[in-house]
Amino acid sequence: MPLPDVTVKILDGGLGMLPPGTSGLHAKVGVSSAGTVGEIVSVTDPGKIADLFGTGPLANALYDSFAAGARLVYAVRANGDIPGQIGTVTKTKTGQGDLNVTGSPLDAYELVVEIVDPGAKNVATFRYSLDGGDTFSAKITVPTALTYEIPGTGLTLNFSEYVTDPNNSFLAGDRYTCRTTAPRPSVNSVNAAIDTLLNSKYLYEFIHAVGDSDAAMWAALAAKAAEAETRYRYIHFLSEARGPESTETVDQWVSALLAEKSGFASTRVSICAGRFELVDMGTGRIVDRNGAGIYAGRVSSIPVQRSPGEVMEGPLPAVVRLNPPGINDGHILALDEAGFVTFRQYIGLSGLYVTNGRMAAEPTSDFQYVELRRVMDKACAQVRAAALRLEHAEIDPTNMEKSLSAAEAQLTAPLDNMVGAREIARGRVVIPRDQDVLATSKIRVKVRIVPMAIMRWIELEIGFENPFRAAA
């Protein structure tokens, strides 16, 4: 038996501390020209994106999200096993020479090649644009070899001289245009990149699957979200709808998206259909792009309970105009009501705003909006973390009220923190007292949350009043 003395037992957990949260953190998976496939890279400095990932959809989405307020993004390069395509070259020219484009594009480009000074090879000059003519390169002489690789694009320009009269090959004003598509990952490649994130210790709120997607990809993301939930990761996915084909009108494009979406619903997948013409943060080019990167940055920069469409957050950055040309409020309304993320203008305000932070959920779902998804996911993670401290704890079956009241208080603490941060209006925990824990070793807990309300429609009633009549 030890000598009489005073012993001290230090308790832990009395402060109600919780593990780090995921608010404002997201991950991206997509195709890029550089980086290691399947490696998680923590990106905090947009100035290093080009060094880490080169060019391509993943790099573009990272630039957009940082421009819109993201501070940290976990990025995973996916295998681009669906190569980009080069469209038909349209030629408007008087010269007798020719130009075609070959290679494997690293991104989506609106290529324009213009002859500046006339002549044959080694005399004629040209300039090129990758953004449809908004910005151009400096003048370049048509090479003696008649081929020119556009740096960092995967594209090669192949000039052909007019054999009969080489000096009449290329004349000032000759113009060649074509569009390219970016390489894309298959469903298998996206799943592999997502598995890298799910198997890691990194914490994040949502994963942005970069690149055009369809119903098959949306279904795969929904399955991954369900898998993540079984592993106690409460996350959602952001995907990108395709843009209009060159032969599609806006009405046809909207109708096609509505038809594709009609067979799909998920409370953990968002689909961004909104598009911008925006200033690329990495290259300075003005490009047409799906707005998911900008949207992801906005969501990451605001509290979980806030709508990404809140006007007081200000207009979305780097945006020049809404695309595709001709889109109107009717198109936007149809896409929004179908559950797509879209963007809009307000009469009287400059710039563009998020219409609604839509989830691709059923119209009767509680989770039609991303702010409700985010709040619930945070509450799930935080209350579960508090509940883990009760695993294998004792309950006195002769004094259930005291034991369960203490448990309720511990589980309510993270909800009280969310109330204090104005993330929810109220939260409560109820543990039914009529449970035979001694026989089952199981305890059932009910958690209920009152979310913050969002003013989406405001009706103003304005009229005159006569103070003399009021006095009378």
Protein backbone atom coordinates (compact mmCIF):
# COMPACT_ATOMS: atom_id res chain seq x y z
CA MET A 1 0.00 0.00 0.00
CA PRO A 2 1.49 3.41 -0.94
CA LEU A 3 2.23 6.10 1.57
CA PRO A 4 -0.63 8.50 2.31
CA ASP A 5 -0.56 11.44 -0.12
CA VAL A 6 -2.73 13.67 -2.33
CA THR A 7 -3.25 12.44 -5.89
CA VAL A 8 -4.52 14.54 -8.78
CA LYS A 9 -6.59 13.26 -11.71
CA ILE A 10 -6.73 15.73 -14.61
CA LEU A 11 -9.98 15.60 -16.56
CA ASP A 12 -10.23 16.37 -20.25
CA GLY A 13 -13.24 17.53 -22.25
CA GLY A 14 -14.69 20.03 -19.79
CA LEU A 15 -14.26 22.96 -22.18
CA GLY A 16 -16.40 21.31 -24.82
CA MET A 17 -13.73 21.78 -27.48
CA LEU A 18 -14.55 20.36 -30.92
CA PRO A 19 -12.26 19.13 -33.71
CA PRO A 20 -11.39 21.48 -36.60
CA GLY A 21 -14.31 22.22 -38.88
CA THR A 22 -14.45 22.11 -42.66
CA SER A 23 -16.25 25.41 -43.27
CA GLY A 24 -14.86 27.24 -46.29
CA LEU A 25 -12.67 24.35 -47.45
CA HIS A 26 -13.20 22.50 -50.69
CA ALA A 27 -11.35 20.18 -53.02
CA LYS A 28 -11.15 19.92 -56.81
CA VAL A 29 -10.53 17.03 -59.15
CA GLY A 30 -9.85 17.68 -62.82
CA VAL A 31 -7.52 17.45 -65.78
CA SER A 32 -4.36 19.51 -66.13
CA SER A 33 -1.20 19.47 -68.24
CA ALA A 34 1.18 19.07 -65.28
CA GLY A 35 1.28 17.54 -61.83
CA THR A 36 1.09 13.97 -60.59
CA VAL A 37 -2.15 12.10 -61.25
CA GLY A 38 -3.81 11.09 -57.99
CA GLU A 39 -1.75 13.30 -55.68
CA ILE A 40 -3.43 15.73 -53.28
CA VAL A 41 -1.86 19.19 -53.50
CA SER A 42 -2.72 21.89 -50.98
CA VAL A 43 -2.99 25.17 -52.91
CA THR A 44 -2.93 28.48 -51.02
CA ASP A 45 -1.13 30.75 -53.50
CA PRO A 46 -2.70 31.31 -56.94
CA GLY A 47 0.70 32.44 -58.17
CA LYS A 48 1.89 28.83 -57.96
CA ILE A 49 -0.98 27.21 -59.85
CA ALA A 50 0.85 27.25 -63.20
CA ASP A 51 3.94 25.65 -61.63
CA LEU A 52 1.85 22.96 -59.94
CA PHE A 53 -0.66 22.13 -62.68
CA GLY A 54 0.40 23.86 -65.88
CA THR A 55 -2.70 24.65 -67.89
CA GLY A 56 -6.10 23.06 -68.43
CA PRO A 57 -9.51 22.86 -66.74
CA LEU A 58 -8.19 22.16 -63.23
CA ALA A 59 -5.85 25.15 -63.30
CA ASN A 60 -8.64 27.35 -64.69
CA ALA A 61 -11.06 26.33 -61.93
CA LEU A 62 -8.42 27.02 -59.28
CA TYR A 63 -7.79 30.51 -60.65
CA ASP A 64 -11.52 31.24 -60.70
CA SER A 65 -12.09 30.05 -57.14
CA PHE A 66 -9.22 32.11 -55.77
CA ALA A 67 -10.49 35.14 -57.68
CA ALA A 68 -13.86 34.65 -55.96
CA GLY A 69 -12.48 34.39 -52.44
CA ALA A 70 -11.17 30.86 -51.78
CA ARG A 71 -8.12 30.75 -49.52
CA LEU A 72 -7.22 27.06 -49.53
CA VAL A 73 -8.12 24.35 -52.03
CA TYR A 74 -7.06 20.70 -52.11
CA ALA A 75 -6.49 19.79 -55.76
CA VAL A 76 -6.11 16.36 -57.35
CA ARG A 77 -5.09 15.91 -60.97
CA ALA A 78 -7.29 13.32 -62.67
CA ASN A 79 -6.33 11.27 -65.70
CA GLY A 80 -7.56 13.03 -68.86
CA ASP A 81 -8.48 9.85 -70.66
CA ILE A 82 -11.02 11.59 -72.94
CA PRO A 83 -8.83 13.74 -75.22
CA GLY A 84 -9.77 17.22 -76.34
CA GLN A 85 -10.97 17.73 -79.89
CA ILE A 86 -10.10 20.25 -82.62
CA GLY A 87 -13.10 21.57 -84.50
CA THR A 88 -13.38 22.42 -88.18
CA VAL A 89 -11.27 25.37 -89.30
CA THR A 90 -13.39 28.16 -90.80
CA LYS A 91 -11.51 30.21 -93.40
CA THR A 92 -12.20 33.79 -94.49
CA LYS A 93 -9.43 34.67 -96.92
CA THR A 94 -8.34 35.99 -100.29
CA GLY A 95 -4.84 34.50 -100.21
CA GLN A 96 -4.28 31.21 -102.01
CA GLY A 97 -2.44 29.56 -99.13
CA ASP A 98 -4.05 27.53 -96.40
CA LEU A 99 -3.89 26.67 -92.72
CA ASN A 100 -4.96 23.68 -90.65
CA VAL A 101 -4.58 22.88 -86.98
CA THR A 102 -3.30 19.64 -85.47
CA GLY A 103 -2.35 18.37 -82.05
CA SER A 104 -4.04 17.46 -78.79
CA PRO A 105 -5.52 20.57 -77.11
CA LEU A 106 -4.76 21.07 -73.44
CA ASP A 107 -7.80 23.27 -72.91
CA ALA A 108 -10.86 24.73 -74.61
CA TYR A 109 -9.77 27.49 -76.98
CA GLU A 110 -11.48 29.83 -79.41
CA LEU A 111 -8.59 29.99 -81.84
CA VAL A 112 -8.26 32.86 -84.30
CA VAL A 113 -5.28 33.20 -86.66
CA GLU A 114 -4.99 36.43 -88.67
CA ILE A 115 -2.47 37.29 -91.38
CA VAL A 116 -1.01 40.72 -90.67
CA ASP A 117 1.65 41.23 -93.37
CA PRO A 118 1.24 39.49 -96.77
CA GLY A 119 3.68 37.28 -98.62
CA ALA A 120 5.19 33.81 -98.64
CA LYS A 121 6.82 31.92 -95.79
CA ASN A 122 9.52 33.78 -93.89
CA VAL A 123 7.94 37.05 -95.10
CA ALA A 124 4.26 36.97 -94.16
CA THR A 125 3.36 37.55 -90.51
CA PHE A 126 0.43 36.42 -88.42
CA ARG A 127 -0.96 36.78 -84.94
CA TYR A 128 -3.16 34.40 -82.98
CA SER A 129 -5.83 34.62 -80.31
CA LEU A 130 -7.02 31.86 -78.00
CA ASP A 131 -10.09 33.72 -76.74
CA GLY A 132 -12.00 34.46 -79.90
CA GLY A 133 -10.15 37.64 -80.76
CA ASP A 134 -10.38 39.52 -77.45
CA THR A 135 -6.61 39.35 -76.97
CA PHE A 136 -3.89 38.61 -79.55
CA SER A 137 -0.27 37.54 -79.54
CA ALA A 138 2.48 39.70 -80.98
CA LYS A 139 3.25 39.40 -84.72
CA ILE A 140 5.01 36.18 -85.72
CA THR A 141 6.67 35.43 -89.04
CA VAL A 142 5.33 32.41 -90.91
CA PRO A 143 8.19 29.95 -90.31
CA THR A 144 10.31 28.48 -93.08
CA ALA A 145 9.13 25.02 -91.99
CA LEU A 146 5.53 26.28 -92.28
CA THR A 147 4.65 24.93 -88.83
CA TYR A 148 4.24 26.80 -85.58
CA GLU A 149 3.52 25.28 -82.15
CA ILE A 150 1.45 27.59 -79.99
CA PRO A 151 3.19 27.46 -76.59
CA GLY A 152 1.37 25.73 -73.77
CA THR A 153 -1.67 24.71 -75.81
CA GLY A 154 -0.86 21.39 -77.51
CA LEU A 155 -1.81 22.98 -80.85
CA THR A 156 0.28 23.25 -84.01
CA LEU A 157 -0.49 25.61 -86.90
CA ASN A 158 0.31 24.07 -90.28
CA PHE A 159 0.62 26.61 -93.09
CA SER A 160 0.46 25.65 -96.78
CA GLU A 161 1.93 27.84 -99.53
CA TYR A 162 0.39 28.43 -102.93
CA VAL A 163 2.83 26.60 -105.19
CA THR A 164 2.09 28.62 -108.35
CA ASP A 165 2.65 32.00 -106.70
CA PRO A 166 4.04 31.75 -103.15
CA ASN A 167 3.87 35.53 -102.66
CA ASN A 168 0.10 35.29 -103.02
CA SER A 169 -0.16 32.62 -100.31
CA PHE A 170 -1.04 34.78 -97.32
CA LEU A 171 -2.70 38.16 -97.65
CA ALA A 172 -3.40 40.74 -94.94
CA GLY A 173 -6.74 40.11 -93.29
CA ASP A 174 -6.88 36.37 -94.04
CA ARG A 175 -8.57 34.81 -91.03
CA TYR A 176 -8.79 31.23 -89.78
CA THR A 177 -10.91 30.23 -86.78
CA CYS A 178 -11.73 27.05 -84.91
CA ARG A 179 -12.81 25.87 -81.49
CA THR A 180 -11.24 23.16 -79.41
CA THR A 181 -12.57 21.20 -76.47
CA ALA A 182 -10.60 20.47 -73.34
CA PRO A 183 -9.55 16.96 -72.37
CA ARG A 184 -11.89 15.36 -69.83
CA PRO A 185 -11.69 12.61 -67.26
CA SER A 186 -13.94 9.57 -67.55
CA VAL A 187 -16.21 8.55 -64.69
CA ASN A 188 -13.59 6.00 -63.64
CA SER A 189 -10.86 8.65 -63.56
CA VAL A 190 -13.01 11.03 -61.51
CA ASN A 191 -13.87 8.23 -59.09
CA ALA A 192 -10.21 7.38 -58.68
CA ALA A 193 -9.34 11.00 -57.88
CA ILE A 194 -12.25 11.25 -55.43
CA ASP A 195 -11.15 8.04 -53.70
CA THR A 196 -7.78 9.67 -53.08
CA LEU A 197 -9.55 12.44 -51.20
CA LEU A 198 -11.97 10.16 -49.35
CA ASN A 199 -9.11 7.94 -48.17
CA SER A 200 -7.07 10.91 -46.94
CA LYS A 201 -7.13 12.73 -43.61
CA TYR A 202 -7.91 16.05 -45.27
CA LEU A 203 -11.11 17.83 -44.21
CA TYR A 204 -13.31 19.69 -46.68
CA GLU A 205 -16.94 20.65 -47.24
CA PHE A 206 -17.37 19.76 -50.88
CA ILE A 207 -15.56 18.45 -53.96
CA HIS A 208 -15.69 20.27 -57.29
CA ALA A 209 -15.51 17.82 -60.20
CA VAL A 210 -14.06 20.07 -62.91
CA GLY A 211 -15.13 19.71 -66.54
CA ASP A 212 -18.24 19.08 -68.62
CA SER A 213 -20.44 16.37 -67.17
CA ASP A 214 -23.65 14.50 -67.91
CA ALA A 215 -26.23 12.43 -66.05
CA ALA A 216 -23.85 9.45 -65.80
CA MET A 217 -21.28 11.60 -64.01
CA TRP A 218 -23.91 13.14 -61.74
CA ALA A 219 -25.12 9.66 -60.73
CA ALA A 220 -21.53 8.61 -60.01
CA LEU A 221 -21.00 11.66 -57.81
CA ALA A 222 -24.22 10.96 -55.92
CA ALA A 223 -23.00 7.42 -55.28
CA LYS A 224 -19.67 8.75 -53.99
CA ALA A 225 -21.50 11.18 -51.70
CA ALA A 226 -23.52 8.29 -50.27
CA GLU A 227 -20.33 6.30 -49.79
CA ALA A 228 -18.69 9.26 -48.06
CA GLU A 229 -21.64 9.55 -45.67
CA THR A 230 -21.20 5.94 -44.59
CA ARG A 231 -17.65 6.90 -43.72
CA TYR A 232 -18.85 9.87 -41.68
CA ARG A 233 -17.79 12.43 -44.27
CA TYR A 234 -20.72 14.78 -44.68
CA ILE A 235 -19.89 16.43 -48.00
CA HIS A 236 -21.48 17.39 -51.29
CA PHE A 237 -20.28 17.61 -54.89
CA LEU A 238 -20.27 20.44 -57.41
CA SER A 239 -20.35 19.47 -61.09
CA GLU A 240 -20.46 21.38 -64.38
CA ALA A 241 -23.11 21.11 -67.08
CA ARG A 242 -21.86 21.23 -70.65
CA GLY A 243 -22.01 24.40 -72.70
CA PRO A 244 -24.00 24.80 -75.92
CA GLU A 245 -22.78 23.13 -79.09
CA SER A 246 -21.85 25.42 -81.99
CA THR A 247 -25.04 24.40 -83.81
CA GLU A 248 -27.36 24.78 -80.80
CA THR A 249 -29.53 27.79 -80.05
CA VAL A 250 -29.88 28.86 -76.43
CA ASP A 251 -33.40 27.42 -76.34
CA GLN A 252 -32.18 24.09 -77.66
CA TRP A 253 -29.32 24.00 -75.15
CA VAL A 254 -31.61 24.78 -72.21
CA SER A 255 -34.13 22.17 -73.36
CA ALA A 256 -31.38 19.55 -73.63
CA LEU A 257 -30.15 20.27 -70.09
CA LEU A 258 -33.68 20.13 -68.69
CA ALA A 259 -34.23 16.77 -70.40
CA GLU A 260 -30.99 15.34 -69.03
CA LYS A 261 -31.70 16.59 -65.51
CA SER A 262 -35.27 15.24 -65.51
CA GLY A 263 -34.06 11.75 -64.67
CA PHE A 264 -31.72 12.76 -61.86
CA ALA A 265 -32.07 14.13 -58.33
CA SER A 266 -29.68 14.25 -55.40
CA THR A 267 -29.46 16.19 -52.16
CA ARG A 268 -25.66 16.04 -52.30
CA VAL A 269 -24.89 17.10 -55.89
CA SER A 270 -24.99 20.58 -57.40
CA ILE A 271 -24.87 21.12 -61.17
CA CYS A 272 -23.68 24.50 -62.42
CA ALA A 273 -25.21 25.42 -65.78
CA GLY A 274 -24.38 29.13 -65.57
CA ARG A 275 -21.64 30.42 -67.86
CA PHE A 276 -19.58 33.59 -68.04
CA GLU A 277 -17.26 35.43 -70.29
CA LEU A 278 -14.62 36.24 -67.72
CA VAL A 279 -11.05 37.45 -67.36
CA ASP A 280 -8.80 34.46 -66.74
CA MET A 281 -6.69 35.14 -63.64
CA GLY A 282 -3.80 33.07 -64.96
CA THR A 283 -3.49 34.31 -68.55
CA GLY A 284 -5.44 37.57 -68.69
CA ARG A 285 -7.43 36.19 -71.62
CA ILE A 286 -11.18 36.80 -71.85
CA VAL A 287 -12.72 33.35 -72.06
CA ASP A 288 -16.09 31.61 -72.11
CA ARG A 289 -16.28 29.25 -69.17
CA ASN A 290 -18.65 27.40 -66.89
CA GLY A 291 -19.06 29.48 -63.72
CA ALA A 292 -18.53 26.62 -61.26
CA GLY A 293 -15.02 27.80 -60.33
CA ILE A 294 -16.28 31.28 -59.45
CA TYR A 295 -19.28 29.78 -57.65
CA ALA A 296 -17.06 27.43 -55.61
CA GLY A 297 -14.92 30.38 -54.54
CA ARG A 298 -17.98 32.36 -53.46
CA VAL A 299 -19.37 29.43 -51.44
CA SER A 300 -15.98 28.89 -49.79
CA SER A 301 -15.70 32.55 -48.79
CA ILE A 302 -19.03 32.90 -46.94
CA PRO A 303 -20.46 31.43 -43.71
CA VAL A 304 -22.31 28.13 -44.02
CA GLN A 305 -25.76 29.63 -43.44
CA ARG A 306 -25.41 32.38 -46.03
CA SER A 307 -26.88 32.12 -49.52
CA PRO A 308 -24.22 32.52 -52.23
CA GLY A 309 -26.78 34.76 -53.94
CA GLU A 310 -26.80 37.35 -51.14
CA VAL A 311 -26.58 40.71 -52.88
CA MET A 312 -24.70 42.33 -50.01
CA GLU A 313 -21.77 40.04 -50.78
CA GLY A 314 -21.34 42.06 -53.98
CA PRO A 315 -21.20 41.00 -57.62
CA LEU A 316 -19.15 38.04 -58.73
CA PRO A 317 -15.57 39.02 -59.61
CA ALA A 318 -13.70 38.85 -62.93
CA VAL A 319 -16.94 38.49 -64.92
CA VAL A 320 -17.39 40.41 -68.18
CA ARG A 321 -20.85 39.22 -69.20
CA LEU A 322 -23.35 36.40 -68.96
CA ASN A 323 -23.08 33.57 -71.49
CA PRO A 324 -24.22 32.14 -73.80
CA PRO A 325 -25.25 35.22 -75.81
CA GLY A 326 -29.01 35.46 -75.94
CA ILE A 327 -29.74 33.84 -72.58
CA ASN A 328 -32.61 35.60 -70.82
CA ASP A 329 -34.57 35.50 -67.56
CA GLY A 330 -36.90 32.82 -68.95
CA HIS A 331 -33.99 30.47 -69.61
CA ILE A 332 -32.48 31.22 -66.21
CA LEU A 333 -35.79 30.63 -64.42
CA ALA A 334 -36.31 27.27 -66.15
CA LEU A 335 -32.80 26.08 -65.26
CA ASP A 336 -33.07 27.38 -61.69
CA GLU A 337 -36.41 25.67 -61.06
CA ALA A 338 -34.97 22.43 -62.43
CA GLY A 339 -32.21 22.58 -59.80
CA PHE A 340 -29.25 24.02 -61.72
CA VAL A 341 -26.90 26.69 -60.37
CA THR A 342 -27.28 29.77 -62.57
CA PHE A 343 -26.33 33.44 -62.56
CA ARG A 344 -28.34 36.59 -63.16
CA GLN A 345 -28.40 40.38 -63.36
CA TYR A 346 -30.53 42.77 -61.30
CA ILE A 347 -31.98 45.86 -62.91
CA GLY A 348 -30.38 48.78 -61.10
CA LEU A 349 -27.25 46.88 -60.04
CA SER A 350 -23.98 46.37 -61.87
CA GLY A 351 -22.41 42.96 -62.27
CA LEU A 352 -23.68 39.41 -62.01
CA TYR A 353 -24.96 37.43 -59.03
CA VAL A 354 -25.76 33.82 -58.15
CA THR A 355 -29.46 33.18 -58.76
CA ASN A 356 -29.70 30.50 -56.05
CA GLY A 357 -27.23 28.06 -54.58
CA ARG A 358 -29.20 25.13 -55.92
CA MET A 359 -28.76 21.48 -55.08
CA ALA A 360 -30.07 18.98 -57.65
CA ALA A 361 -32.71 17.84 -55.16
CA GLU A 362 -36.38 17.01 -55.55
CA PRO A 363 -38.72 20.03 -55.21
CA THR A 364 -40.05 18.66 -51.90
CA SER A 365 -36.59 18.15 -50.35
CA ASP A 366 -35.32 20.16 -47.37
CA PHE A 367 -32.00 20.41 -49.22
CA GLN A 368 -32.86 22.42 -52.31
CA TYR A 369 -30.29 25.08 -51.40
CA VAL A 370 -26.61 24.75 -50.63
CA GLU A 371 -26.79 26.83 -47.45
CA LEU A 372 -29.15 24.25 -45.91
CA ARG A 373 -26.89 21.42 -47.08
CA ARG A 374 -23.85 23.12 -45.54
CA VAL A 375 -25.57 23.84 -42.22
CA MET A 376 -26.81 20.28 -41.86
CA ASP A 377 -23.45 18.78 -42.79
CA LYS A 378 -21.65 20.97 -40.25
CA ALA A 379 -24.14 20.05 -37.55
CA CYS A 380 -23.79 16.33 -38.35
CA ALA A 381 -20.01 16.47 -38.11
CA GLN A 382 -19.94 18.58 -34.95
CA VAL A 383 -22.64 16.68 -33.02
CA ARG A 384 -21.10 13.36 -34.01
CA ALA A 385 -17.71 14.55 -32.71
CA ALA A 386 -19.34 15.45 -29.40
CA ALA A 387 -21.16 12.10 -29.30
CA LEU A 388 -17.91 10.18 -29.75
CA ARG A 389 -16.83 11.38 -26.32
CA LEU A 390 -19.79 9.44 -24.89
CA GLU A 391 -18.82 6.13 -26.51
CA HIS A 392 -18.64 3.40 -23.82
CA ALA A 393 -19.58 5.90 -21.09
CA GLU A 394 -21.60 4.57 -18.14
CA ILE A 395 -25.26 5.32 -17.54
CA ASP A 396 -26.82 4.72 -14.13
CA PRO A 397 -30.02 2.76 -14.91
CA THR A 398 -31.42 3.75 -11.52
CA ASN A 399 -31.02 7.46 -12.26
CA MET A 400 -31.55 7.81 -16.02
CA GLU A 401 -32.67 11.43 -15.79
CA LYS A 402 -29.37 12.65 -14.42
CA SER A 403 -27.25 10.60 -16.83
CA LEU A 404 -29.24 11.48 -19.95
CA SER A 405 -29.55 15.15 -19.05
CA ALA A 406 -25.77 15.35 -18.89
CA ALA A 407 -25.50 13.64 -22.28
CA GLU A 408 -28.06 16.02 -23.78
CA ALA A 409 -26.06 18.98 -22.53
CA GLN A 410 -22.86 17.64 -24.08
CA LEU A 411 -24.52 17.02 -27.44
CA THR A 412 -26.26 20.39 -27.42
CA ALA A 413 -23.00 22.29 -26.93
CA PRO A 414 -21.95 22.31 -30.64
CA LEU A 415 -25.45 23.43 -31.61
CA ASP A 416 -25.21 26.26 -29.08
CA ASN A 417 -21.95 27.27 -30.75
CA MET A 418 -23.70 27.36 -34.12
CA VAL A 419 -26.49 29.47 -32.64
CA GLY A 420 -23.90 31.86 -31.21
CA ALA A 421 -22.30 32.16 -34.65
CA ARG A 422 -25.78 32.80 -36.15
CA GLU A 423 -25.39 29.72 -38.33
CA ILE A 424 -28.69 28.33 -37.05
CA ALA A 425 -31.59 29.91 -35.20
CA ARG A 426 -32.01 27.11 -32.67
CA GLY A 427 -30.86 23.58 -31.99
CA ARG A 428 -32.02 21.01 -29.45
CA VAL A 429 -31.22 17.46 -28.43
CA VAL A 430 -33.75 15.08 -26.91
CA ILE A 431 -32.95 11.61 -25.55
CA PRO A 432 -36.13 9.62 -24.85
CA ARG A 433 -36.10 8.32 -21.30
CA ASP A 434 -37.93 5.04 -21.97
CA GLN A 435 -34.91 3.19 -23.34
CA ASP A 436 -33.57 -0.06 -21.96
CA VAL A 437 -29.89 0.76 -22.35
CA LEU A 438 -28.93 -1.99 -19.94
CA ALA A 439 -30.36 -4.65 -22.27
CA THR A 440 -29.41 -3.13 -25.64
CA SER A 441 -26.34 -0.97 -24.94
CA LYS A 442 -27.88 1.41 -27.46
CA ILE A 443 -29.12 4.95 -26.99
CA ARG A 444 -31.36 6.81 -29.44
CA VAL A 445 -30.90 10.55 -29.73
CA LYS A 446 -33.07 13.06 -31.60
CA VAL A 447 -31.42 16.26 -32.84
CA ARG A 448 -33.50 19.08 -34.30
CA ILE A 449 -32.30 22.28 -35.94
CA VAL A 450 -34.08 25.47 -36.92
CA PRO A 451 -32.14 26.99 -39.85
CA MET A 452 -31.87 30.68 -40.61
CA ALA A 453 -34.50 31.93 -43.05
CA ILE A 454 -33.50 33.49 -46.40
CA MET A 455 -35.41 36.39 -47.99
CA ARG A 456 -35.58 35.27 -51.62
CA TRP A 457 -38.64 37.29 -52.62
CA ILE A 458 -39.37 40.78 -51.28
CA GLU A 459 -42.71 42.48 -51.92
CA LEU A 460 -42.83 46.26 -51.45
CA GLU A 461 -46.11 48.07 -50.92
CA ILE A 462 -45.76 51.79 -51.66
CA GLY A 463 -48.48 54.45 -51.61
CA PHE A 464 -49.21 58.03 -50.65
CA GLU A 465 -50.66 59.10 -47.35
CA ASN A 466 -52.22 62.39 -46.32
CA PRO A 467 -51.04 63.63 -42.89
CA PHE A 468 -54.07 65.98 -42.62
CA ARG A 469 -56.48 63.09 -42.99
CA ALA A 470 -54.47 61.06 -40.49
CA ALA A 471 -54.70 63.95 -37.97
CA ALA A 472 -58.43 64.28 -38.54
